[in-house]
Amino acid sequence: MSNISILKEFWDFLKIKKKLWLLPIIIILVLTGLFMVLSETSAIAPLIYTLF
């Protein structure tokens, strides 16, 4: 199963079940995770320690 089909299935689930309020929560969780992973070895790392 490809990543695109998983995203399409998830989008269909959100539309059909009227759970679109979950979308902003998921986006923020993904962005926070990406921020933490990408800034592990950069100069932003001390900022993360103060945030969490």
Protein backbone atom coordinates (compact mmCIF):
# COMPACT_ATOMS: atom_id res chain seq x y z
CA MET A 1 0.00 0.00 0.00
CA SER A 2 1.49 3.32 -0.98
CA ASN A 3 1.66 6.43 1.16
CA ILE A 4 -0.69 8.30 -1.16
CA SER A 5 -3.42 5.70 -0.79
CA ILE A 6 -3.08 5.80 3.00
CA LEU A 7 -3.46 9.59 2.96
CA LYS A 8 -6.46 9.31 0.62
CA GLU A 9 -8.09 6.74 2.90
CA PHE A 10 -7.47 8.94 5.92
CA TRP A 11 -8.94 11.99 4.15
CA ASP A 12 -12.01 9.95 3.13
CA PHE A 13 -12.43 8.82 6.74
CA LEU A 14 -12.28 12.42 7.98
CA LYS A 15 -14.85 13.55 5.40
CA ILE A 16 -17.29 10.67 5.81
CA LYS A 17 -17.21 10.56 9.62
CA LYS A 18 -17.32 14.39 9.87
CA LYS A 19 -14.10 14.42 11.89
CA LEU A 20 -12.50 17.39 10.13
CA TRP A 21 -11.77 18.97 13.51
CA LEU A 22 -8.99 16.36 13.88
CA LEU A 23 -7.08 17.77 10.92
CA PRO A 24 -5.52 20.82 12.67
CA ILE A 25 -4.47 18.65 15.62
CA ILE A 26 -2.76 16.15 13.33
CA ILE A 27 -1.04 18.90 11.34
CA ILE A 28 0.35 20.50 14.49
CA LEU A 29 1.59 17.13 15.79
CA VAL A 30 3.33 16.38 12.49
CA LEU A 31 4.92 19.84 12.31
CA THR A 32 6.13 19.59 15.91
CA GLY A 33 7.65 16.18 15.20
CA LEU A 34 9.37 17.43 12.06
CA PHE A 35 10.69 20.46 13.91
CA MET A 36 12.17 18.26 16.62
CA VAL A 37 13.76 15.81 14.19
CA LEU A 38 15.22 18.47 11.89
CA SER A 39 16.62 20.60 14.67
CA GLU A 40 18.33 17.81 16.62
CA THR A 41 21.79 18.63 15.32
CA SER A 42 21.43 22.30 14.57
CA ALA A 43 21.83 25.52 16.51
CA ILE A 44 18.12 25.43 17.38
CA ALA A 45 18.60 22.46 19.74
CA PRO A 46 18.96 24.65 22.89
CA LEU A 47 15.63 26.27 22.03
CA ILE A 48 13.91 22.89 22.09
CA TYR A 49 15.26 22.15 25.57
CA THR A 50 13.73 25.37 26.86
CA LEU A 51 10.39 24.63 25.21
CA PHE A 52 10.03 21.11 26.55
